[in-house]
PDB file of N, CA and C in Angstrom:
ATOM      1  N   MET A   1      10.015  -3.020  -1.865  1.00  0.00           N
ATOM      2  CA  MET A   1      10.199  -3.352  -3.554  1.00  0.00           C
ATOM      3  C   MET A   1      10.820  -2.477  -4.092  1.00  0.00           C
ATOM      4  N   ARG A   2       9.905  -1.175  -3.795  1.00  0.00           N
ATOM      5  CA  ARG A   2      10.576   0.035  -4.928  1.00  0.00           C
ATOM      6  C   ARG A   2      11.771   0.614  -4.304  1.00  0.00           C
ATOM      7  N   LEU A   3      11.973   0.406  -3.068  1.00  0.00           N
ATOM      8  CA  LEU A   3      13.288   1.244  -2.772  1.00  0.00           C
ATOM      9  C   LEU A   3      14.725   0.568  -3.115  1.00  0.00           C
ATOM     10  N   PHE A   4      14.430  -0.652  -3.355  1.00  0.00           N
ATOM     11  CA  PHE A   4      15.458  -1.303  -3.774  1.00  0.00           C
ATOM     12  C   PHE A   4      15.662  -1.262  -5.234  1.00  0.00           C
ATOM     13  N   VAL A   5      14.255  -1.164  -6.561  1.00  0.00           N
ATOM     14  CA  VAL A   5      14.252  -0.702  -7.495  1.00  0.00           C
ATOM     15  C   VAL A   5      15.472   0.337  -7.965  1.00  0.00           C
ATOM     16  N   LEU A   6      14.769   1.603  -7.091  1.00  0.00           N
ATOM     17  CA  LEU A   6      15.036   3.071  -6.803  1.00  0.00           C
ATOM     18  C   LEU A   6      16.504   3.071  -6.514  1.00  0.00           C
ATOM     19  N   THR A   7      17.346   2.195  -5.928  1.00  0.00           N
ATOM     20  CA  THR A   7      18.663   1.883  -5.592  1.00  0.00           C
ATOM     21  C   THR A   7      19.528   1.689  -6.826  1.00  0.00           C
ATOM     22  N   ALA A   8      18.851   0.637  -7.650  1.00  0.00           N
ATOM     23  CA  ALA A   8      19.425   0.099  -8.658  1.00  0.00           C
ATOM     24  C   ALA A   8      19.457   0.820  -9.493  1.00  0.00           C
ATOM     25  N   TRP A   9      18.615   1.849  -9.551  1.00  0.00           N
ATOM     26  CA  TRP A   9      18.157   2.212 -11.223  1.00  0.00           C
ATOM     27  C   TRP A   9      19.522   3.859 -10.772  1.00  0.00           C
ATOM     28  N   VAL A  10      19.055   4.226  -9.715  1.00  0.00           N
ATOM     29  CA  VAL A  10      20.156   5.204  -9.517  1.00  0.00           C
ATOM     30  C   VAL A  10      21.772   4.822  -9.094  1.00  0.00           C
ATOM     31  N   SER A  11      21.775   3.811  -8.835  1.00  0.00           N
ATOM     32  CA  SER A  11      23.278   3.359  -8.548  1.00  0.00           C
ATOM     33  C   SER A  11      23.741   3.802  -7.078  1.00  0.00           C
ATOM     34  N   ALA A  12      23.031   4.028  -6.590  1.00  0.00           N
ATOM     35  CA  ALA A  12      23.495   4.832  -5.097  1.00  0.00           C
ATOM     36  C   ALA A  12      22.174   4.769  -3.840  1.00  0.00           C
ATOM     37  N   ALA A  13      22.193   4.649  -2.566  1.00  0.00           N
ATOM     38  CA  ALA A  13      21.533   4.586  -1.431  1.00  0.00           C
ATOM     39  C   ALA A  13      21.486   6.260  -1.629  1.00  0.00           C
ATOM     40  N   GLN A  14      20.299   6.718  -1.155  1.00  0.00           N
ATOM     41  CA  GLN A  14      20.061   7.855  -0.201  1.00  0.00           C
ATOM     42  C   GLN A  14      19.358   7.709   1.084  1.00  0.00           C
ATOM     43  N   PRO A  15      19.530   7.905   1.637  1.00  0.00           N
ATOM     44  CA  PRO A  15      18.291   7.582   3.266  1.00  0.00           C
ATOM     45  C   PRO A  15      16.819   8.204   2.742  1.00  0.00           C
ATOM     46  N   LEU A  16      17.022   9.226   2.119  1.00  0.00           N
ATOM     47  CA  LEU A  16      15.523  10.214   2.308  1.00  0.00           C
ATOM     48  C   LEU A  16      14.985   9.726   0.757  1.00  0.00           C
ATOM     49  N   ALA A  17      15.234   8.869  -0.179  1.00  0.00           N
ATOM     50  CA  ALA A  17      14.760   8.935  -1.579  1.00  0.00           C
ATOM     51  C   ALA A  17      13.856   8.363  -1.361  1.00  0.00           C
ATOM     52  N   ALA A  18      13.371   7.452  -0.634  1.00  0.00           N
ATOM     53  CA  ALA A  18      11.805   6.748  -0.832  1.00  0.00           C
ATOM     54  C   ALA A  18      11.275   7.103   0.520  1.00  0.00           C
ATOM     55  N   SER A  19      11.425   8.513   1.453  1.00  0.00           N
ATOM     56  CA  SER A  19      10.306   8.943   2.024  1.00  0.00           C
ATOM     57  C   SER A  19       9.058   8.888   1.705  1.00  0.00           C
ATOM     58  N   GLY A  20       8.012   8.026   2.755  1.00  0.00           N
ATOM     59  CA  GLY A  20       6.692   8.217   2.202  1.00  0.00           C
ATOM     60  C   GLY A  20       6.238   7.082   1.179  1.00  0.00           C
ATOM     61  N   LEU A  21       7.512   6.125   1.683  1.00  0.00           N
ATOM     62  CA  LEU A  21       6.933   4.754   0.928  1.00  0.00           C
ATOM     63  C   LEU A  21       6.340   4.086   1.804  1.00  0.00           C
ATOM     64  N   GLU A  22       6.667   4.283   3.257  1.00  0.00           N
ATOM     65  CA  GLU A  22       5.346   2.883   4.476  1.00  0.00           C
ATOM     66  C   GLU A  22       4.524   3.260   4.459  1.00  0.00           C
ATOM     67  N   LEU A  23       4.159   4.371   4.188  1.00  0.00           N
ATOM     68  CA  LEU A  23       2.228   4.170   3.986  1.00  0.00           C
ATOM     69  C   LEU A  23       1.660   3.375   2.740  1.00  0.00           C
ATOM     70  N   GLN A  24       2.233   3.509   1.679  1.00  0.00           N
ATOM     71  CA  GLN A  24       1.897   2.143   0.841  1.00  0.00           C
ATOM     72  C   GLN A  24       2.138   1.136   0.518  1.00  0.00           C
ATOM     73  N   SER A  25       3.660   1.092   1.876  1.00  0.00           N
ATOM     74  CA  SER A  25       3.926  -0.643   2.100  1.00  0.00           C
ATOM     75  C   SER A  25       3.072  -1.415   3.284  1.00  0.00           C
ATOM     76  N   LEU A  26       2.116  -0.129   3.983  1.00  0.00           N
ATOM     77  CA  LEU A  26       1.579  -0.536   4.661  1.00  0.00           C
ATOM     78  C   LEU A  26      -0.055  -1.025   4.364  1.00  0.00           C
ATOM     79  N   ALA A  27      -0.222  -0.138   3.395  1.00  0.00           N
ATOM     80  CA  ALA A  27      -1.729  -0.398   2.901  1.00  0.00           C
ATOM     81  C   ALA A  27      -1.510  -1.292   1.761  1.00  0.00           C
ATOM     82  N   ALA A  28      -0.590  -1.949   1.055  1.00  0.00           N
ATOM     83  CA  ALA A  28      -0.767  -2.480   0.538  1.00  0.00           C
ATOM     84  C   ALA A  28      -0.968  -4.513   1.360  1.00  0.00           C
ATOM     85  N   VAL A  29      -0.596  -4.004   2.218  1.00  0.00           N
ATOM     86  CA  VAL A  29      -0.784  -5.281   2.841  1.00  0.00           C
ATOM     87  C   VAL A  29      -1.822  -5.129   3.480  1.00  0.00           C
ATOM     88  N   VAL A  30      -2.461  -4.051   3.943  1.00  0.00           N
ATOM     89  CA  VAL A  30      -3.795  -4.482   4.759  1.00  0.00           C
ATOM     90  C   VAL A  30      -5.002  -4.517   3.824  1.00  0.00           C
ATOM     91  N   VAL A  31      -4.969  -3.650   2.290  1.00  0.00           N
ATOM     92  CA  VAL A  31      -6.030  -4.586   1.176  1.00  0.00           C
ATOM     93  C   VAL A  31      -5.641  -5.785   0.770  1.00  0.00           C
ATOM     94  N   GLY A  32      -4.495  -6.356   0.744  1.00  0.00           N
ATOM     95  CA  GLY A  32      -3.971  -7.633   0.493  1.00  0.00           C
ATOM     96  C   GLY A  32      -4.857  -8.448   1.655  1.00  0.00           C
ATOM     97  N   GLY A  33      -5.003  -8.167   2.665  1.00  0.00           N
ATOM     98  CA  GLY A  33      -6.346  -8.763   3.677  1.00  0.00           C
ATOM     99  C   GLY A  33      -5.203  -9.446   4.688  1.00  0.00           C
ATOM    100  N   VAL A  34      -4.117  -8.782   4.843  1.00  0.00           N
ATOM    101  CA  VAL A  34      -3.427  -9.155   6.363  1.00  0.00           C
ATOM    102  C   VAL A  34      -3.999  -9.024   7.309  1.00  0.00           C
ATOM    103  N   ALA A  35      -4.263  -9.206   8.174  1.00  0.00           N
ATOM    104  CA  ALA A  35      -5.035  -8.440   9.303  1.00  0.00           C
ATOM    105  C   ALA A  35      -3.444  -7.541  10.472  1.00  0.00           C
ATOM    106  N   LEU A  36      -3.929  -6.351  10.725  1.00  0.00           N
ATOM    107  CA  LEU A  36      -2.933  -5.429  11.745  1.00  0.00           C
ATOM    108  C   LEU A  36      -2.707  -6.444  12.831  1.00  0.00           C
ATOM    109  N   THR A  37      -4.114  -6.910  13.969  1.00  0.00           N
ATOM    110  CA  THR A  37      -3.613  -7.633  14.611  1.00  0.00           C
ATOM    111  C   THR A  37      -2.761  -8.809  14.976  1.00  0.00           C
ATOM    112  N   GLY A  38      -2.348  -9.462  13.825  1.00  0.00           N
ATOM    113  CA  GLY A  38      -1.789 -10.465  13.669  1.00  0.00           C
ATOM    114  C   GLY A  38      -1.956 -11.892  13.449  1.00  0.00           C
ATOM    115  N   GLY A  39      -1.221 -12.646  12.618  1.00  0.00           N
ATOM    116  CA  GLY A  39      -1.437 -13.958  12.543  1.00  0.00           C
ATOM    117  C   GLY A  39      -2.278 -14.349  11.399  1.00  0.00           C
ATOM    118  N   ILE A  40      -3.248 -13.547  10.443  1.00  0.00           N
ATOM    119  CA  ILE A  40      -3.410 -14.227   9.217  1.00  0.00           C
ATOM    120  C   ILE A  40      -3.142 -12.607   8.375  1.00  0.00           C
ATOM    121  N   GLY A  41      -3.065 -14.231   7.332  1.00  0.00           N
ATOM    122  CA  GLY A  41      -2.709 -13.172   5.914  1.00  0.00           C
ATOM    123  C   GLY A  41      -1.480 -14.388   5.021  1.00  0.00           C
ATOM    124  N   GLY A  42      -0.539 -13.517   4.230  1.00  0.00           N
ATOM    125  CA  GLY A  42      -0.108 -14.482   3.135  1.00  0.00           C
ATOM    126  C   GLY A  42       0.692 -13.803   1.971  1.00  0.00           C
ATOM    127  N   MET A  43       1.384 -14.254   1.634  1.00  0.00           N
ATOM    128  CA  MET A  43       2.233 -13.479   0.242  1.00  0.00           C
ATOM    129  C   MET A  43       1.319 -13.599  -0.853  1.00  0.00           C
ATOM    130  N   LEU A  44       1.060 -14.269  -0.884  1.00  0.00           N
ATOM    131  CA  LEU A  44      -0.162 -14.307  -2.341  1.00  0.00           C
ATOM    132  C   LEU A  44      -1.096 -13.109  -1.932  1.00  0.00           C
ATOM    133  N   ASN A  45      -1.392 -13.189  -0.886  1.00  0.00           N
ATOM    134  CA  ASN A  45      -2.563 -12.144  -0.731  1.00  0.00           C
ATOM    135  C   ASN A  45      -1.853 -10.752  -0.470  1.00  0.00           C
ATOM    136  N   THR A  46      -0.709 -10.705  -0.227  1.00  0.00           N
ATOM    137  CA  THR A  46       0.058  -9.383  -0.204  1.00  0.00           C
ATOM    138  C   THR A  46       0.287  -9.036  -1.524  1.00  0.00           C
ATOM    139  N   PHE A  47       0.796  -9.452  -2.373  1.00  0.00           N
ATOM    140  CA  PHE A  47       1.126  -9.350  -3.572  1.00  0.00           C
ATOM    141  C   PHE A  47      -0.621  -8.936  -4.367  1.00  0.00           C
ATOM    142  N   TYR A  48      -1.376  -9.426  -4.052  1.00  0.00           N
ATOM    143  CA  TYR A  48      -2.446  -8.915  -4.805  1.00  0.00           C
ATOM    144  C   TYR A  48      -2.881  -7.154  -3.992  1.00  0.00           C
ATOM    145  N   GLY A  49      -2.326  -7.133  -2.546  1.00  0.00           N
ATOM    146  CA  GLY A  49      -2.704  -5.337  -2.511  1.00  0.00           C
ATOM    147  C   GLY A  49      -1.771  -4.668  -3.428  1.00  0.00           C
ATOM    148  N   VAL A  50      -0.390  -5.259  -3.512  1.00  0.00           N
ATOM    149  CA  VAL A  50       0.279  -4.596  -4.198  1.00  0.00           C
ATOM    150  C   VAL A  50      -0.084  -4.330  -5.306  1.00  0.00           C
ATOM    151  N   LEU A  51      -0.415  -5.417  -6.163  1.00  0.00           N
ATOM    152  CA  LEU A  51      -0.945  -5.051  -7.553  1.00  0.00           C
ATOM    153  C   LEU A  51      -2.581  -4.256  -7.701  1.00  0.00           C
ATOM    154  N   ILE A  52      -3.232  -4.006  -6.514  1.00  0.00           N
ATOM    155  CA  ILE A  52      -4.388  -3.091  -6.528  1.00  0.00           C
ATOM    156  C   ILE A  52      -4.150  -1.828  -6.767  1.00  0.00           C
ATOM    157  N   LEU A  53      -2.827  -1.467  -5.569  1.00  0.00           N
ATOM    158  CA  LEU A  53      -2.574  -0.015  -5.444  1.00  0.00           C
ATOM    159  C   LEU A  53      -1.273   0.125  -6.066  1.00  0.00           C
ATOM    160  N   GLY A  54      -0.906  -0.490  -7.271  1.00  0.00           N
ATOM    161  CA  GLY A  54      -0.021  -0.264  -7.924  1.00  0.00           C
ATOM    162  C   GLY A  54      -0.920   0.609  -9.550  1.00  0.00           C
ATOM    163  N   MET A  55      -1.739  -0.107  -9.484  1.00  0.00           N
ATOM    164  CA  MET A  55      -3.108   0.067 -10.217  1.00  0.00           C
ATOM    165  C   MET A  55      -3.626   1.041  -9.911  1.00  0.00           C
ATOM    166  N   LEU A  56      -4.116   1.847  -8.575  1.00  0.00           N
ATOM    167  CA  LEU A  56      -4.847   2.699  -8.083  1.00  0.00           C
ATOM    168  C   LEU A  56      -3.797   4.116  -8.106  1.00  0.00           C
ATOM    169  N   SER A  57      -2.692   4.051  -8.097  1.00  0.00           N
ATOM    170  CA  SER A  57      -2.097   4.962  -8.047  1.00  0.00           C
ATOM    171  C   SER A  57      -1.000   5.007  -9.931  1.00  0.00           C
ATOM    172  N   ASN A  58      -1.139   4.554 -10.366  1.00  0.00           N
ATOM    173  CA  ASN A  58      -1.161   4.486 -11.705  1.00  0.00           C
ATOM    174  C   ASN A  58      -2.321   4.903 -12.840  1.00  0.00           C
ATOM    175  N   SER A  59      -3.479   4.473 -12.124  1.00  0.00           N
ATOM    176  CA  SER A  59      -4.086   5.189 -12.704  1.00  0.00           C
ATOM    177  C   SER A  59      -4.535   6.828 -12.218  1.00  0.00           C
ATOM    178  N   PHE A  60      -4.173   7.117 -10.786  1.00  0.00           N
ATOM    179  CA  PHE A  60      -3.900   8.679 -10.615  1.00  0.00           C
ATOM    180  C   PHE A  60      -3.170   9.251 -11.549  1.00  0.00           C
ATOM    181  N   ASN A  61      -2.063   8.771 -11.544  1.00  0.00           N
ATOM    182  CA  ASN A  61      -0.514   9.306 -12.425  1.00  0.00           C
ATOM    183  C   ASN A  61      -1.429   9.861 -13.664  1.00  0.00           C
ATOM    184  N   MET A  62      -2.079   9.136 -13.787  1.00  0.00           N
ATOM    185  CA  MET A  62      -2.533   8.855 -15.500  1.00  0.00           C
ATOM    186  C   MET A  62      -3.438  10.328 -15.775  1.00  0.00           C
ATOM    187  N   ILE A  63      -4.431  10.389 -14.854  1.00  0.00           N
ATOM    188  CA  ILE A  63      -5.510  11.367 -14.905  1.00  0.00           C
ATOM    189  C   ILE A  63      -5.122  12.763 -14.268  1.00  0.00           C
ATOM    190  N   GLY A  64      -3.932  12.489 -13.776  1.00  0.00           N
ATOM    191  CA  GLY A  64      -3.032  14.197 -12.961  1.00  0.00           C
ATOM    192  C   GLY A  64      -3.360  14.013 -11.526  1.00  0.00           C
ATOM    193  N   VAL A  65      -3.828  13.380 -10.811  1.00  0.00           N
ATOM    194  CA  VAL A  65      -4.153  13.721  -8.961  1.00  0.00           C
ATOM    195  C   VAL A  65      -3.016  14.031  -9.007  1.00  0.00           C
ATOM    196  N   SER A  66      -2.882  15.135  -8.015  1.00  0.00           N
ATOM    197  CA  SER A  66      -1.749  15.525  -7.119  1.00  0.00           C
ATOM    198  C   SER A  66      -1.354  14.545  -6.311  1.00  0.00           C
ATOM    199  N   SER A  67      -0.015  14.497  -5.974  1.00  0.00           N
ATOM    200  CA  SER A  67       0.015  13.615  -5.018  1.00  0.00           C
ATOM    201  C   SER A  67       0.048  13.422  -3.625  1.00  0.00           C
ATOM    202  N   PHE A  68      -0.463  14.622  -2.890  1.00  0.00           N
ATOM    203  CA  PHE A  68      -0.957  14.891  -2.048  1.00  0.00           C
ATOM    204  C   PHE A  68      -2.644  14.096  -1.894  1.00  0.00           C
ATOM    205  N   MET A  69      -3.576  14.283  -2.651  1.00  0.00           N
ATOM    206  CA  MET A  69      -4.757  13.929  -2.918  1.00  0.00           C
ATOM    207  C   MET A  69      -4.149  12.211  -2.989  1.00  0.00           C
ATOM    208  N   GLN A  70      -3.602  11.653  -3.680  1.00  0.00           N
ATOM    209  CA  GLN A  70      -3.054  10.506  -3.979  1.00  0.00           C
ATOM    210  C   GLN A  70      -2.742   9.863  -2.212  1.00  0.00           C
ATOM    211  N   THR A  71      -2.008  10.422  -1.720  1.00  0.00           N
ATOM    212  CA  THR A  71      -1.915  10.216  -0.076  1.00  0.00           C
ATOM    213  C   THR A  71      -3.006   9.796   0.484  1.00  0.00           C
ATOM    214  N   LEU A  72      -3.517  10.710   0.264  1.00  0.00           N
ATOM    215  CA  LEU A  72      -5.526  10.706   1.080  1.00  0.00           C
ATOM    216  C   LEU A  72      -6.024  10.072   0.473  1.00  0.00           C
ATOM    217  N   ALA A  73      -5.781   9.257  -0.648  1.00  0.00           N
ATOM    218  CA  ALA A  73      -6.409   8.243  -1.449  1.00  0.00           C
ATOM    219  C   ALA A  73      -6.664   6.832  -0.480  1.00  0.00           C
ATOM    220  N   ILE A  74      -4.544   6.688  -0.335  1.00  0.00           N
ATOM    221  CA  ILE A  74      -4.729   5.918   0.031  1.00  0.00           C
ATOM    222  C   ILE A  74      -4.772   5.485   1.515  1.00  0.00           C
ATOM    223  N   GLY A  75      -4.952   6.481   1.820  1.00  0.00           N
ATOM    224  CA  GLY A  75      -5.422   6.672   3.606  1.00  0.00           C
ATOM    225  C   GLY A  75      -6.752   6.336   3.558  1.00  0.00           C
ATOM    226  N   VAL A  76      -7.573   6.514   2.665  1.00  0.00           N
ATOM    227  CA  VAL A  76      -9.102   6.420   3.181  1.00  0.00           C
ATOM    228  C   VAL A  76      -8.729   4.662   2.911  1.00  0.00           C
ATOM    229  N   VAL A  77      -8.019   4.397   1.626  1.00  0.00           N
ATOM    230  CA  VAL A  77      -8.276   2.976   1.584  1.00  0.00           C
ATOM    231  C   VAL A  77      -7.680   2.120   2.643  1.00  0.00           C
ATOM    232  N   ILE A  78      -6.875   2.747   3.502  1.00  0.00           N
ATOM    233  CA  ILE A  78      -6.719   1.932   4.557  1.00  0.00           C
ATOM    234  C   ILE A  78      -7.631   1.789   5.457  1.00  0.00           C
ATOM    235  N   VAL A  79      -8.083   3.223   6.025  1.00  0.00           N
ATOM    236  CA  VAL A  79      -8.935   2.793   7.051  1.00  0.00           C
ATOM    237  C   VAL A  79     -10.222   1.843   6.476  1.00  0.00           C
ATOM    238  N   VAL A  80     -10.711   1.794   4.835  1.00  0.00           N
ATOM    239  CA  VAL A  80     -11.690   0.982   4.901  1.00  0.00           C
ATOM    240  C   VAL A  80     -11.161  -0.066   5.110  1.00  0.00           C
ATOM    241  N   ALA A  81      -9.978  -0.961   4.580  1.00  0.00           N
ATOM    242  CA  ALA A  81      -9.798  -1.727   4.818  1.00  0.00           C
ATOM    243  C   ALA A  81      -9.781  -2.297   5.798  1.00  0.00           C
ATOM    244  N   VAL A  82      -9.268  -1.568   7.290  1.00  0.00           N
ATOM    245  CA  VAL A  82      -9.164  -1.854   8.129  1.00  0.00           C
ATOM    246  C   VAL A  82     -10.917  -2.116   9.128  1.00  0.00           C
ATOM    247  N   VAL A  83     -11.687  -1.119   8.155  1.00  0.00           N
ATOM    248  CA  VAL A  83     -13.178  -1.319   8.775  1.00  0.00           C
ATOM    249  C   VAL A  83     -13.861  -2.684   8.425  1.00  0.00           C
ATOM    250  N   LEU A  84     -12.981  -2.937   7.303  1.00  0.00           N
ATOM    251  CA  LEU A  84     -14.146  -4.285   6.854  1.00  0.00           C
ATOM    252  C   LEU A  84     -13.278  -5.437   7.536  1.00  0.00           C
ATOM    253  N   ASP A  85     -12.072  -5.423   7.570  1.00  0.00           N
ATOM    254  CA  ASP A  85     -11.488  -6.547   8.640  1.00  0.00           C
ATOM    255  C   ASP A  85     -11.980  -6.762   9.836  1.00  0.00           C
ATOM    256  N   ARG A  86     -12.289  -5.534  10.313  1.00  0.00           N
ATOM    257  CA  ARG A  86     -12.894  -5.687  11.734  1.00  0.00           C
ATOM    258  C   ARG A  86     -14.552  -6.496  11.683  1.00  0.00           C
ATOM    259  N   LEU A  87     -14.861  -5.834  10.637  1.00  0.00           N
ATOM    260  CA  LEU A  87     -16.558  -6.318  10.488  1.00  0.00           C
ATOM    261  C   LEU A  87     -16.473  -7.805  10.531  1.00  0.00           C
ATOM    262  N   ARG A  88     -15.506  -8.375   9.550  1.00  0.00           N
ATOM    263  CA  ARG A  88     -15.388  -9.732   9.310  1.00  0.00           C
ATOM    264  C   ARG A  88     -15.072 -10.559  10.411  1.00  0.00           C
ATOM    265  N   GLN A  89     -14.278  -9.533  11.596  1.00  0.00           N
ATOM    266  CA  GLN A  89     -13.589 -10.575  12.175  1.00  0.00           C
ATOM    267  C   GLN A  89     -14.881 -10.803  13.527  1.00  0.00           C
ATOM    268  N   GLN A  90     -15.890  -9.558  13.042  1.00  0.00           N
ATOM    269  CA  GLN A  90     -16.792 -10.001  14.592  1.00  0.00           C
ATOM    270  C   GLN A  90     -18.093 -10.588  14.042  1.00  0.00           C
ATOM    271  N   ARG A  91     -18.013 -10.973  12.591  1.00  0.00           N
ATOM    272  CA  ARG A  91     -18.924 -11.770  12.232  1.00  0.00           C
ATOM    273  C   ARG A  91     -18.569 -13.488  12.680  1.00  0.00           C
ATOM    274  N   ALA A  92     -16.995 -13.719  12.510  1.00  0.00           N
ATOM    275  CA  ALA A  92     -16.788 -14.952  12.883  1.00  0.00           C
ATOM    276  C   ALA A  92     -16.435 -15.531  13.972  1.00  0.00           C
TER     277      ALA A  92
END
């Protein structure tokens, strides 16, 4: 989504304009509760994941956290979400 907004904003498509957004996309889907193994998840849950990560990213920007630390934090969020998903699947 950010890539489309960026393309519309600058009125040009740049192949490297939005590099690094793959991690954020994956994180939003995982935080939204979509299983990486497939078969479980939904559009609304993905929207919630995007909302949560958007607020997290905005908060980091407001307090002045560097982009490298933001990437690290998103990676930690992915790992925690995957671990929680695995624990939830083991209980079922």
